[in-house]
Amino acid sequence: MNRYLINLSYIGTRFRGIQRKIDKSAGQFKDPQTVQGVIEEALLKLRPVNEPLLKLSSRTDTGVHALHNTVHVDLQRPNGKPYDSDRITKTLNRAFEKDGQSLRILSTVRVPASFHARLCAKSRTYLYRLAVLKREYARESGRQQHPHARFIPIEEHDRCYFLGHPEFDINAFASVARMFEGMHDFRTFMAVAKGNPKQQEAMHSLRRIDQITVERGHTMTAAFNRERAERYYDFWDVRIRGRSFLYRQVRRMVGAWVAAAEGRITERDIYRMLTVPSQNSWCSNVFVAPAYALYLCHVEYDPIDLAFPAAADESNDGQLSRAIAQP
């Protein structure tokens, strides 16, 4: 049995998240509507002796995209030898293309049995994309423009959060976002998931955010629409890096920052939500940011955790180097 790290990317619009839905009463079953289900089905084309079962590094919800996510899987080849890593990548991508899946394997590398995609992750970086309507276009005849009448480039549909509030203040957004860096109890920003008793533990919601940046972004439209999109909107990239996050934490934080930038809540409200960790501290004027503008950008590992002992064959060292350099 050999273990493989699979680096992957996907557009989450048509998936019900990454995690396969398990009917515990019926046992494991195929799930072609989740990323995990699609990959496990495609791995069967390699004809392994065992049933492939992915271990996820990061769970993404329905509609959330990934530029780089990771999983690991144990596979036993009938002849007992390891699979060629490139063969795994090519077999999976061929299956996804045939089925029209918005899913792509970036690379595959054999790793030690001690490696775990989730437990060995050192950090995760998320990107949230905003498009803010410029103030000169936010009002028509002195009134706020109706959201269904605004121009939105079709290429950005389900890819970016479009905002049209005439008083949106990106400086206020960035200011309250910086308050979240460091170690905090994020219970206020944790969505409650059914069947997870760990959420009730006192230390469960304690997390550290290493860095939050708010920088000018770019539209992903085609050349034909680019000039118009940039004329109407300011695009912003919000990057959030930390080792681990709570259920829907990023989307709830961004929703609070947007509310502060639009003047629906104050910096004092944000401070109370952050320093009085409780579901009761959540402000009713805050709306959870939509999933479709959120991207998991990178899962980082210590190269030591990916390396075999010195006695391992040298051929795997080349695979390891490629995996680290180009996830």
C-alpha atoms as a PDB file:
ATOM      1  CA  MET A   1       0.000   0.000   0.000  1.00  0.00           C
ATOM      2  CA  ASN A   2       1.374   3.413  -1.003  1.00  0.00           C
ATOM      3  CA  ARG A   3       0.197   6.897  -0.060  1.00  0.00           C
ATOM      4  CA  TYR A   4      -0.187   9.724  -2.562  1.00  0.00           C
ATOM      5  CA  LEU A   5      -0.647  13.463  -2.140  1.00  0.00           C
ATOM      6  CA  ILE A   6      -2.950  14.880  -4.814  1.00  0.00           C
ATOM      7  CA  ASN A   7      -2.884  18.624  -5.540  1.00  0.00           C
ATOM      8  CA  LEU A   8      -6.103  19.742  -7.191  1.00  0.00           C
ATOM      9  CA  SER A   9      -8.148  22.737  -8.283  1.00  0.00           C
ATOM     10  CA  TYR A  10     -11.827  23.109  -9.130  1.00  0.00           C
ATOM     11  CA  ILE A  11     -14.688  25.471  -9.798  1.00  0.00           C
ATOM     12  CA  GLY A  12     -17.177  24.785  -7.022  1.00  0.00           C
ATOM     13  CA  THR A  13     -20.343  26.069  -8.713  1.00  0.00           C
ATOM     14  CA  ARG A  14     -21.660  22.643  -9.747  1.00  0.00           C
ATOM     15  CA  PHE A  15     -20.369  20.717  -6.734  1.00  0.00           C
ATOM     16  CA  ARG A  16     -22.105  20.230  -3.403  1.00  0.00           C
ATOM     17  CA  GLY A  17     -18.812  20.931  -1.683  1.00  0.00           C
ATOM     18  CA  ILE A  18     -15.706  18.784  -1.575  1.00  0.00           C
ATOM     19  CA  GLN A  19     -16.718  16.221   1.053  1.00  0.00           C
ATOM     20  CA  ARG A  20     -18.585  13.144  -0.076  1.00  0.00           C
ATOM     21  CA  LYS A  21     -21.993  12.839   1.575  1.00  0.00           C
ATOM     22  CA  ILE A  22     -22.170   9.603   3.523  1.00  0.00           C
ATOM     23  CA  ASP A  23     -25.409   7.814   4.279  1.00  0.00           C
ATOM     24  CA  LYS A  24     -24.361   6.064   7.477  1.00  0.00           C
ATOM     25  CA  SER A  25     -27.355   3.759   7.416  1.00  0.00           C
ATOM     26  CA  ALA A  26     -26.508   2.503   3.928  1.00  0.00           C
ATOM     27  CA  GLY A  27     -22.718   2.683   4.189  1.00  0.00           C
ATOM     28  CA  GLN A  28     -20.419   4.409   1.710  1.00  0.00           C
ATOM     29  CA  PHE A  29     -21.799   5.104  -1.720  1.00  0.00           C
ATOM     30  CA  LYS A  30     -20.918   6.916  -4.936  1.00  0.00           C
ATOM     31  CA  ASP A  31     -21.510  10.669  -4.921  1.00  0.00           C
ATOM     32  CA  PRO A  32     -20.907  12.278  -8.333  1.00  0.00           C
ATOM     33  CA  GLN A  33     -22.008  15.694  -7.040  1.00  0.00           C
ATOM     34  CA  THR A  34     -19.039  16.244  -4.712  1.00  0.00           C
ATOM     35  CA  VAL A  35     -15.354  16.663  -5.493  1.00  0.00           C
ATOM     36  CA  GLN A  36     -14.401  13.720  -3.294  1.00  0.00           C
ATOM     37  CA  GLY A  37     -17.000  11.466  -4.878  1.00  0.00           C
ATOM     38  CA  VAL A  38     -15.856  12.307  -8.411  1.00  0.00           C
ATOM     39  CA  ILE A  39     -12.162  11.707  -7.639  1.00  0.00           C
ATOM     40  CA  GLU A  40     -12.787   8.417  -5.838  1.00  0.00           C
ATOM     41  CA  GLU A  41     -14.818   7.161  -8.781  1.00  0.00           C
ATOM     42  CA  ALA A  42     -12.097   8.189 -11.243  1.00  0.00           C
ATOM     43  CA  LEU A  43      -9.400   6.443  -9.161  1.00  0.00           C
ATOM     44  CA  LEU A  44     -11.137   3.136  -9.821  1.00  0.00           C
ATOM     45  CA  LYS A  45      -9.892   3.388 -13.427  1.00  0.00           C
ATOM     46  CA  LEU A  46      -6.434   2.558 -12.053  1.00  0.00           C
ATOM     47  CA  ARG A  47      -7.879  -0.800 -10.887  1.00  0.00           C
ATOM     48  CA  PRO A  48      -6.380  -0.720  -7.390  1.00  0.00           C
ATOM     49  CA  VAL A  49      -6.832  -3.701  -5.087  1.00  0.00           C
ATOM     50  CA  ASN A  50      -8.365  -1.513  -2.370  1.00  0.00           C
ATOM     51  CA  GLU A  51     -11.333   0.865  -2.428  1.00  0.00           C
ATOM     52  CA  PRO A  52      -9.954   4.435  -2.768  1.00  0.00           C
ATOM     53  CA  LEU A  53     -10.898   6.670   0.160  1.00  0.00           C
ATOM     54  CA  LEU A  54      -9.681  10.255   0.131  1.00  0.00           C
ATOM     55  CA  LYS A  55      -8.562  12.135   3.223  1.00  0.00           C
ATOM     56  CA  LEU A  56      -9.208  15.860   2.787  1.00  0.00           C
ATOM     57  CA  SER A  57      -6.938  18.687   3.876  1.00  0.00           C
ATOM     58  CA  SER A  58      -9.620  21.396   3.735  1.00  0.00           C
ATOM     59  CA  ARG A  59     -13.368  21.188   3.417  1.00  0.00           C
ATOM     60  CA  THR A  60     -15.024  23.680   1.080  1.00  0.00           C
ATOM     61  CA  ASP A  61     -18.764  24.323   0.989  1.00  0.00           C
ATOM     62  CA  THR A  62     -21.115  24.257  -1.963  1.00  0.00           C
ATOM     63  CA  GLY A  63     -20.080  26.933  -4.455  1.00  0.00           C
ATOM     64  CA  VAL A  64     -16.613  27.586  -2.999  1.00  0.00           C
ATOM     65  CA  HIS A  65     -13.743  27.288  -5.474  1.00  0.00           C
ATOM     66  CA  ALA A  66     -10.186  26.039  -5.020  1.00  0.00           C
ATOM     67  CA  LEU A  67      -7.080  27.166  -6.881  1.00  0.00           C
ATOM     68  CA  HIS A  68      -5.119  24.704  -4.775  1.00  0.00           C
ATOM     69  CA  ASN A  69      -6.542  22.123  -2.402  1.00  0.00           C
ATOM     70  CA  THR A  70      -5.025  18.815  -1.359  1.00  0.00           C
ATOM     71  CA  VAL A  71      -6.065  15.281  -0.468  1.00  0.00           C
ATOM     72  CA  HIS A  72      -4.200  12.063   0.186  1.00  0.00           C
ATOM     73  CA  VAL A  73      -5.167   8.531  -0.720  1.00  0.00           C
ATOM     74  CA  ASP A  74      -3.758   5.046  -0.129  1.00  0.00           C
ATOM     75  CA  LEU A  75      -3.617   2.823  -3.204  1.00  0.00           C
ATOM     76  CA  GLN A  76      -2.466  -0.768  -3.594  1.00  0.00           C
ATOM     77  CA  ARG A  77      -1.466  -1.838  -7.075  1.00  0.00           C
ATOM     78  CA  PRO A  78      -2.167  -5.462  -8.051  1.00  0.00           C
ATOM     79  CA  ASN A  79       1.556  -6.174  -8.573  1.00  0.00           C
ATOM     80  CA  GLY A  80       2.491  -4.473  -5.306  1.00  0.00           C
ATOM     81  CA  LYS A  81       4.621  -1.788  -6.954  1.00  0.00           C
ATOM     82  CA  PRO A  82       3.866   1.958  -6.591  1.00  0.00           C
ATOM     83  CA  TYR A  83       1.821   3.689  -9.270  1.00  0.00           C
ATOM     84  CA  ASP A  84       3.638   6.191 -11.422  1.00  0.00           C
ATOM     85  CA  SER A  85       2.541   9.605 -10.105  1.00  0.00           C
ATOM     86  CA  ASP A  86       2.151  11.122 -13.570  1.00  0.00           C
ATOM     87  CA  ARG A  87      -0.067   8.215 -14.577  1.00  0.00           C
ATOM     88  CA  ILE A  88      -2.427   8.993 -11.688  1.00  0.00           C
ATOM     89  CA  THR A  89      -2.588  12.662 -12.710  1.00  0.00           C
ATOM     90  CA  LYS A  90      -3.225  11.879 -16.383  1.00  0.00           C
ATOM     91  CA  THR A  91      -5.814   9.159 -15.666  1.00  0.00           C
ATOM     92  CA  LEU A  92      -7.833  11.427 -13.394  1.00  0.00           C
ATOM     93  CA  ASN A  93      -7.717  14.466 -15.685  1.00  0.00           C
ATOM     94  CA  ARG A  94      -8.722  12.317 -18.671  1.00  0.00           C
ATOM     95  CA  ALA A  95     -11.762  11.070 -16.740  1.00  0.00           C
ATOM     96  CA  PHE A  96     -12.753  14.593 -15.644  1.00  0.00           C
ATOM     97  CA  GLU A  97     -12.509  15.956 -19.176  1.00  0.00           C
ATOM     98  CA  LYS A  98     -14.620  13.104 -20.520  1.00  0.00           C
ATOM     99  CA  ASP A  99     -17.328  13.757 -17.910  1.00  0.00           C
ATOM    100  CA  GLY A 100     -17.187  17.544 -18.283  1.00  0.00           C
ATOM    101  CA  GLN A 101     -16.118  18.147 -14.688  1.00  0.00           C
ATOM    102  CA  SER A 102     -14.758  21.548 -13.613  1.00  0.00           C
ATOM    103  CA  LEU A 103     -11.959  19.761 -11.788  1.00  0.00           C
ATOM    104  CA  ARG A 104      -8.245  19.477 -12.526  1.00  0.00           C
ATOM    105  CA  ILE A 105      -5.400  17.590 -10.880  1.00  0.00           C
ATOM    106  CA  LEU A 106      -2.314  19.801 -10.660  1.00  0.00           C
ATOM    107  CA  SER A 107       0.127  17.104  -9.597  1.00  0.00           C
ATOM    108  CA  THR A 108       0.439  13.829  -7.700  1.00  0.00           C
ATOM    109  CA  VAL A 109       3.347  12.724  -5.530  1.00  0.00           C
ATOM    110  CA  ARG A 110       4.042   9.638  -3.466  1.00  0.00           C
ATOM    111  CA  VAL A 111       4.523  10.525   0.205  1.00  0.00           C
ATOM    112  CA  PRO A 112       5.405   8.595   3.387  1.00  0.00           C
ATOM    113  CA  ALA A 113       2.688   6.715   5.269  1.00  0.00           C
ATOM    114  CA  SER A 114       3.199   9.190   8.131  1.00  0.00           C
ATOM    115  CA  PHE A 115       1.939  12.080   6.001  1.00  0.00           C
ATOM    116  CA  HIS A 116      -1.634  13.326   6.498  1.00  0.00           C
ATOM    117  CA  ALA A 117      -3.141  15.967   4.192  1.00  0.00           C
ATOM    118  CA  ARG A 118      -5.076  17.709   6.981  1.00  0.00           C
ATOM    119  CA  LEU A 119      -2.910  17.193  10.060  1.00  0.00           C
ATOM    120  CA  CYS A 120       0.373  18.104   8.342  1.00  0.00           C
ATOM    121  CA  ALA A 121      -0.927  21.345   6.788  1.00  0.00           C
ATOM    122  CA  LYS A 122       1.003  24.345   8.141  1.00  0.00           C
ATOM    123  CA  SER A 123      -1.246  27.045   6.716  1.00  0.00           C
ATOM    124  CA  ARG A 124      -4.176  27.684   4.419  1.00  0.00           C
ATOM    125  CA  THR A 125      -4.679  30.829   2.379  1.00  0.00           C
ATOM    126  CA  TYR A 126      -8.098  31.981   1.234  1.00  0.00           C
ATOM    127  CA  LEU A 127      -8.980  34.665  -1.293  1.00  0.00           C
ATOM    128  CA  TYR A 128     -12.263  36.572  -1.267  1.00  0.00           C
ATOM    129  CA  ARG A 129     -12.986  38.679  -4.364  1.00  0.00           C
ATOM    130  CA  LEU A 130     -15.015  41.897  -4.172  1.00  0.00           C
ATOM    131  CA  ALA A 131     -16.226  44.201  -6.948  1.00  0.00           C
ATOM    132  CA  VAL A 132     -17.393  47.562  -5.609  1.00  0.00           C
ATOM    133  CA  LEU A 133     -19.468  49.802  -7.860  1.00  0.00           C
ATOM    134  CA  LYS A 134     -17.803  53.203  -8.184  1.00  0.00           C
ATOM    135  CA  ARG A 135     -19.695  56.007  -6.483  1.00  0.00           C
ATOM    136  CA  GLU A 136     -20.383  57.957  -9.666  1.00  0.00           C
ATOM    137  CA  TYR A 137     -22.349  54.963 -10.982  1.00  0.00           C
ATOM    138  CA  ALA A 138     -23.949  53.914  -7.683  1.00  0.00           C
ATOM    139  CA  ARG A 139     -26.809  56.413  -7.995  1.00  0.00           C
ATOM    140  CA  GLU A 140     -29.239  57.210 -10.776  1.00  0.00           C
ATOM    141  CA  SER A 141     -31.055  60.568 -10.605  1.00  0.00           C
ATOM    142  CA  GLY A 142     -30.023  60.862  -6.964  1.00  0.00           C
ATOM    143  CA  ARG A 143     -31.308  57.402  -6.045  1.00  0.00           C
ATOM    144  CA  GLN A 144     -29.363  54.222  -5.398  1.00  0.00           C
ATOM    145  CA  GLN A 145     -29.208  52.108  -8.525  1.00  0.00           C
ATOM    146  CA  HIS A 146     -31.302  48.947  -8.420  1.00  0.00           C
ATOM    147  CA  PRO A 147     -29.046  45.858  -8.157  1.00  0.00           C
ATOM    148  CA  HIS A 148     -30.922  44.081 -10.958  1.00  0.00           C
ATOM    149  CA  ALA A 149     -30.341  47.014 -13.303  1.00  0.00           C
ATOM    150  CA  ARG A 150     -26.565  47.193 -12.828  1.00  0.00           C
ATOM    151  CA  PHE A 151     -24.086  45.920 -15.376  1.00  0.00           C
ATOM    152  CA  ILE A 152     -22.332  42.755 -14.200  1.00  0.00           C
ATOM    153  CA  PRO A 153     -19.952  40.994 -16.621  1.00  0.00           C
ATOM    154  CA  ILE A 154     -21.248  37.505 -17.260  1.00  0.00           C
ATOM    155  CA  GLU A 155     -17.735  36.038 -16.989  1.00  0.00           C
ATOM    156  CA  GLU A 156     -17.735  37.014 -13.303  1.00  0.00           C
ATOM    157  CA  HIS A 157     -21.071  35.348 -12.576  1.00  0.00           C
ATOM    158  CA  ASP A 158     -20.616  33.162  -9.476  1.00  0.00           C
ATOM    159  CA  ARG A 159     -16.950  34.222  -9.304  1.00  0.00           C
ATOM    160  CA  CYS A 160     -17.020  37.593  -7.484  1.00  0.00           C
ATOM    161  CA  TYR A 161     -19.167  39.433  -4.885  1.00  0.00           C
ATOM    162  CA  PHE A 162     -20.624  42.555  -6.544  1.00  0.00           C
ATOM    163  CA  LEU A 163     -21.499  45.408  -4.181  1.00  0.00           C
ATOM    164  CA  GLY A 164     -23.340  48.606  -5.090  1.00  0.00           C
ATOM    165  CA  HIS A 165     -23.729  50.558  -1.846  1.00  0.00           C
ATOM    166  CA  PRO A 166     -22.946  54.234  -2.636  1.00  0.00           C
ATOM    167  CA  GLU A 167     -21.196  54.783   0.704  1.00  0.00           C
ATOM    168  CA  PHE A 168     -19.004  51.671   0.680  1.00  0.00           C
ATOM    169  CA  ASP A 169     -15.669  52.574   2.317  1.00  0.00           C
ATOM    170  CA  ILE A 170     -12.808  50.227   1.478  1.00  0.00           C
ATOM    171  CA  ASN A 171     -10.614  51.883   4.115  1.00  0.00           C
ATOM    172  CA  ALA A 172     -13.165  51.051   6.810  1.00  0.00           C
ATOM    173  CA  PHE A 173     -13.323  47.500   5.449  1.00  0.00           C
ATOM    174  CA  ALA A 174      -9.545  47.099   5.682  1.00  0.00           C
ATOM    175  CA  SER A 175      -9.399  48.716   9.121  1.00  0.00           C
ATOM    176  CA  VAL A 176     -11.871  46.322  10.769  1.00  0.00           C
ATOM    177  CA  ALA A 177     -10.350  43.358   8.906  1.00  0.00           C
ATOM    178  CA  ARG A 178      -6.970  44.019  10.510  1.00  0.00           C
ATOM    179  CA  MET A 179      -8.591  43.666  13.950  1.00  0.00           C
ATOM    180  CA  PHE A 180      -8.944  39.938  13.251  1.00  0.00           C
ATOM    181  CA  GLU A 181      -5.240  39.194  12.923  1.00  0.00           C
ATOM    182  CA  GLY A 182      -3.698  37.198  15.742  1.00  0.00           C
ATOM    183  CA  MET A 183      -5.206  34.747  18.220  1.00  0.00           C
ATOM    184  CA  HIS A 184      -8.941  35.149  18.943  1.00  0.00           C
ATOM    185  CA  ASP A 185     -11.963  33.159  20.004  1.00  0.00           C
ATOM    186  CA  PHE A 186     -14.035  33.206  16.800  1.00  0.00           C
ATOM    187  CA  ARG A 187     -17.162  31.576  18.213  1.00  0.00           C
ATOM    188  CA  THR A 188     -19.285  34.511  17.028  1.00  0.00           C
ATOM    189  CA  PHE A 189     -18.108  33.861  13.474  1.00  0.00           C
ATOM    190  CA  MET A 190     -18.611  30.094  13.557  1.00  0.00           C
ATOM    191  CA  ALA A 191     -21.662  28.622  11.871  1.00  0.00           C
ATOM    192  CA  VAL A 192     -23.155  25.748  13.848  1.00  0.00           C
ATOM    193  CA  ALA A 193     -22.973  22.424  12.011  1.00  0.00           C
ATOM    194  CA  LYS A 194     -25.185  19.509  12.960  1.00  0.00           C
ATOM    195  CA  GLY A 195     -23.517  16.395  14.266  1.00  0.00           C
ATOM    196  CA  ASN A 196     -20.291  18.042  15.422  1.00  0.00           C
ATOM    197  CA  PRO A 197     -20.111  17.898  19.240  1.00  0.00           C
ATOM    198  CA  LYS A 198     -16.600  19.390  19.215  1.00  0.00           C
ATOM    199  CA  GLN A 199     -18.155  22.789  18.471  1.00  0.00           C
ATOM    200  CA  GLN A 200     -19.363  22.933  22.081  1.00  0.00           C
ATOM    201  CA  GLU A 201     -15.844  22.571  23.478  1.00  0.00           C
ATOM    202  CA  ALA A 202     -14.424  25.750  24.992  1.00  0.00           C
ATOM    203  CA  MET A 203     -11.166  25.713  23.024  1.00  0.00           C
ATOM    204  CA  HIS A 204     -12.636  24.624  19.683  1.00  0.00           C
ATOM    205  CA  SER A 205     -13.253  28.157  18.404  1.00  0.00           C
ATOM    206  CA  LEU A 206      -9.799  29.478  19.357  1.00  0.00           C
ATOM    207  CA  ARG A 207      -7.919  30.188  16.138  1.00  0.00           C
ATOM    208  CA  ARG A 208      -4.994  32.270  14.945  1.00  0.00           C
ATOM    209  CA  ILE A 209      -5.062  34.316  11.751  1.00  0.00           C
ATOM    210  CA  ASP A 210      -1.520  35.021  10.586  1.00  0.00           C
ATOM    211  CA  GLN A 211      -2.229  37.663   7.970  1.00  0.00           C
ATOM    212  CA  ILE A 212      -5.079  39.576   6.317  1.00  0.00           C
ATOM    213  CA  THR A 213      -4.435  41.788   3.300  1.00  0.00           C
ATOM    214  CA  VAL A 214      -6.769  43.928   1.198  1.00  0.00           C
ATOM    215  CA  GLU A 215      -5.306  44.797  -2.185  1.00  0.00           C
ATOM    216  CA  ARG A 216      -6.550  45.986  -5.545  1.00  0.00           C
ATOM    217  CA  GLY A 217      -7.566  43.092  -7.735  1.00  0.00           C
ATOM    218  CA  HIS A 218      -8.389  42.576 -11.387  1.00  0.00           C
ATOM    219  CA  THR A 219     -11.414  41.491 -13.329  1.00  0.00           C
ATOM    220  CA  MET A 220     -11.345  38.053 -14.950  1.00  0.00           C
ATOM    221  CA  THR A 221     -13.453  39.165 -17.898  1.00  0.00           C
ATOM    222  CA  ALA A 222     -12.574  38.708 -21.557  1.00  0.00           C
ATOM    223  CA  ALA A 223     -11.028  41.635 -23.424  1.00  0.00           C
ATOM    224  CA  PHE A 224     -14.408  42.593 -24.902  1.00  0.00           C
ATOM    225  CA  ASN A 225     -15.903  43.294 -21.437  1.00  0.00           C
ATOM    226  CA  ARG A 226     -12.766  44.279 -19.526  1.00  0.00           C
ATOM    227  CA  GLU A 227     -12.815  48.029 -20.207  1.00  0.00           C
ATOM    228  CA  ARG A 228     -16.461  48.325 -19.198  1.00  0.00           C
ATOM    229  CA  ALA A 229     -16.011  46.217 -16.067  1.00  0.00           C
ATOM    230  CA  GLU A 230     -13.057  48.294 -14.908  1.00  0.00           C
ATOM    231  CA  ARG A 231     -14.909  51.525 -15.690  1.00  0.00           C
ATOM    232  CA  TYR A 232     -17.820  50.588 -13.426  1.00  0.00           C
ATOM    233  CA  TYR A 233     -16.118  48.635 -10.631  1.00  0.00           C
ATOM    234  CA  ASP A 234     -13.140  48.643  -8.296  1.00  0.00           C
ATOM    235  CA  PHE A 235     -11.968  45.062  -7.782  1.00  0.00           C
ATOM    236  CA  TRP A 236     -10.452  44.038  -4.441  1.00  0.00           C
ATOM    237  CA  ASP A 237      -8.665  40.875  -3.340  1.00  0.00           C
ATOM    238  CA  VAL A 238      -8.974  39.952   0.326  1.00  0.00           C
ATOM    239  CA  ARG A 239      -6.413  37.334   1.387  1.00  0.00           C
ATOM    240  CA  ILE A 240      -6.655  35.536   4.718  1.00  0.00           C
ATOM    241  CA  ARG A 241      -3.951  33.146   5.924  1.00  0.00           C
ATOM    242  CA  GLY A 242      -4.041  30.888   8.972  1.00  0.00           C
ATOM    243  CA  ARG A 243      -3.454  27.303   9.956  1.00  0.00           C
ATOM    244  CA  SER A 244      -7.121  26.355  10.302  1.00  0.00           C
ATOM    245  CA  PHE A 245     -10.576  27.920  10.158  1.00  0.00           C
ATOM    246  CA  LEU A 246     -13.990  27.218  11.629  1.00  0.00           C
ATOM    247  CA  TYR A 247     -17.085  26.250   9.672  1.00  0.00           C
ATOM    248  CA  ARG A 248     -17.979  29.230   7.418  1.00  0.00           C
ATOM    249  CA  GLN A 249     -15.695  31.483   9.452  1.00  0.00           C
ATOM    250  CA  VAL A 250     -14.197  33.298   6.462  1.00  0.00           C
ATOM    251  CA  ARG A 251     -17.562  34.090   4.882  1.00  0.00           C
ATOM    252  CA  ARG A 252     -19.012  35.327   8.161  1.00  0.00           C
ATOM    253  CA  MET A 253     -15.986  37.548   8.798  1.00  0.00           C
ATOM    254  CA  VAL A 254     -16.146  39.058   5.311  1.00  0.00           C
ATOM    255  CA  GLY A 255     -19.878  39.641   5.761  1.00  0.00           C
ATOM    256  CA  ALA A 256     -19.177  41.602   8.953  1.00  0.00           C
ATOM    257  CA  TRP A 257     -16.454  43.661   7.270  1.00  0.00           C
ATOM    258  CA  VAL A 258     -18.796  44.511   4.376  1.00  0.00           C
ATOM    259  CA  ALA A 259     -21.489  45.586   6.862  1.00  0.00           C
ATOM    260  CA  ALA A 260     -18.995  47.922   8.557  1.00  0.00           C
ATOM    261  CA  ALA A 261     -17.851  49.328   5.194  1.00  0.00           C
ATOM    262  CA  GLU A 262     -21.467  50.072   4.234  1.00  0.00           C
ATOM    263  CA  GLY A 263     -22.244  51.683   7.594  1.00  0.00           C
ATOM    264  CA  ARG A 264     -24.776  49.066   8.702  1.00  0.00           C
ATOM    265  CA  ILE A 265     -22.723  48.358  11.827  1.00  0.00           C
ATOM    266  CA  THR A 266     -19.934  50.222  13.614  1.00  0.00           C
ATOM    267  CA  GLU A 267     -16.374  49.357  14.527  1.00  0.00           C
ATOM    268  CA  ARG A 268     -17.638  49.059  18.103  1.00  0.00           C
ATOM    269  CA  ASP A 269     -20.060  46.340  16.960  1.00  0.00           C
ATOM    270  CA  ILE A 270     -17.187  44.501  15.310  1.00  0.00           C
ATOM    271  CA  TYR A 271     -15.121  44.769  18.480  1.00  0.00           C
ATOM    272  CA  ARG A 272     -17.952  43.323  20.567  1.00  0.00           C
ATOM    273  CA  MET A 273     -18.475  40.425  18.146  1.00  0.00           C
ATOM    274  CA  LEU A 274     -14.764  39.647  18.342  1.00  0.00           C
ATOM    275  CA  THR A 275     -14.221  40.103  22.097  1.00  0.00           C
ATOM    276  CA  VAL A 276     -17.515  38.626  23.342  1.00  0.00           C
ATOM    277  CA  PRO A 277     -17.409  35.229  21.591  1.00  0.00           C
ATOM    278  CA  SER A 278     -20.978  33.991  21.436  1.00  0.00           C
ATOM    279  CA  GLN A 279     -23.625  33.238  18.862  1.00  0.00           C
ATOM    280  CA  ASN A 280     -25.685  35.897  20.650  1.00  0.00           C
ATOM    281  CA  SER A 281     -23.098  38.552  19.756  1.00  0.00           C
ATOM    282  CA  TRP A 282     -23.821  38.234  16.041  1.00  0.00           C
ATOM    283  CA  CYS A 283     -25.361  41.449  14.675  1.00  0.00           C
ATOM    284  CA  SER A 284     -28.630  41.019  12.806  1.00  0.00           C
ATOM    285  CA  ASN A 285     -27.535  43.647  10.251  1.00  0.00           C
ATOM    286  CA  VAL A 286     -24.718  41.383   9.066  1.00  0.00           C
ATOM    287  CA  PHE A 287     -25.280  39.029   6.152  1.00  0.00           C
ATOM    288  CA  VAL A 288     -22.992  36.070   5.510  1.00  0.00           C
ATOM    289  CA  ALA A 289     -20.908  36.692   2.382  1.00  0.00           C
ATOM    290  CA  PRO A 290     -21.819  34.374  -0.514  1.00  0.00           C
ATOM    291  CA  ALA A 291     -19.789  31.247  -1.182  1.00  0.00           C
ATOM    292  CA  TYR A 292     -19.165  31.858  -4.881  1.00  0.00           C
ATOM    293  CA  ALA A 293     -16.571  34.625  -4.343  1.00  0.00           C
ATOM    294  CA  LEU A 294     -14.419  32.524  -2.002  1.00  0.00           C
ATOM    295  CA  TYR A 295     -11.325  30.641  -3.218  1.00  0.00           C
ATOM    296  CA  LEU A 296      -8.991  28.326  -1.348  1.00  0.00           C
ATOM    297  CA  CYS A 297      -5.670  29.463  -2.821  1.00  0.00           C
ATOM    298  CA  HIS A 298      -2.968  27.407  -1.181  1.00  0.00           C
ATOM    299  CA  VAL A 299      -2.365  24.656   1.362  1.00  0.00           C
ATOM    300  CA  GLU A 300       1.202  24.787   2.673  1.00  0.00           C
ATOM    301  CA  TYR A 301       3.297  21.896   3.980  1.00  0.00           C
ATOM    302  CA  ASP A 302       6.718  21.537   5.518  1.00  0.00           C
ATOM    303  CA  PRO A 303       8.885  19.737   2.917  1.00  0.00           C
ATOM    304  CA  ILE A 304      10.168  17.523   5.718  1.00  0.00           C
ATOM    305  CA  ASP A 305       6.703  16.010   6.140  1.00  0.00           C
ATOM    306  CA  LEU A 306       6.638  15.118   2.439  1.00  0.00           C
ATOM    307  CA  ALA A 307      10.083  13.532   2.371  1.00  0.00           C
ATOM    308  CA  PHE A 308      10.857   9.830   2.635  1.00  0.00           C
ATOM    309  CA  PRO A 309      13.678   8.630   4.918  1.00  0.00           C
ATOM    310  CA  ALA A 310      17.169   8.840   3.471  1.00  0.00           C
ATOM    311  CA  ALA A 311      16.958   5.204   2.370  1.00  0.00           C
ATOM    312  CA  ALA A 312      14.059   5.955  -0.009  1.00  0.00           C
ATOM    313  CA  ASP A 313      14.800   5.734  -3.706  1.00  0.00           C
ATOM    314  CA  GLU A 314      16.088   8.831  -5.428  1.00  0.00           C
ATOM    315  CA  SER A 315      13.420   8.765  -8.101  1.00  0.00           C
ATOM    316  CA  ASN A 316      10.825   9.895  -5.600  1.00  0.00           C
ATOM    317  CA  ASP A 317      12.977  12.907  -4.687  1.00  0.00           C
ATOM    318  CA  GLY A 318      12.380  14.317  -8.147  1.00  0.00           C
ATOM    319  CA  GLN A 319       8.630  13.869  -7.773  1.00  0.00           C
ATOM    320  CA  LEU A 320       8.777  15.563  -4.379  1.00  0.00           C
ATOM    321  CA  SER A 321      10.666  18.547  -5.741  1.00  0.00           C
ATOM    322  CA  ARG A 322       8.112  19.029  -8.510  1.00  0.00           C
ATOM    323  CA  ALA A 323       5.232  18.802  -6.058  1.00  0.00           C
ATOM    324  CA  ILE A 324       6.723  21.450  -3.773  1.00  0.00           C
ATOM    325  CA  ALA A 325       7.654  23.802  -6.598  1.00  0.00           C
ATOM    326  CA  GLN A 326       4.405  23.472  -8.529  1.00  0.00           C
ATOM    327  CA  PRO A 327       1.427  22.273  -6.482  1.00  0.00           C
END
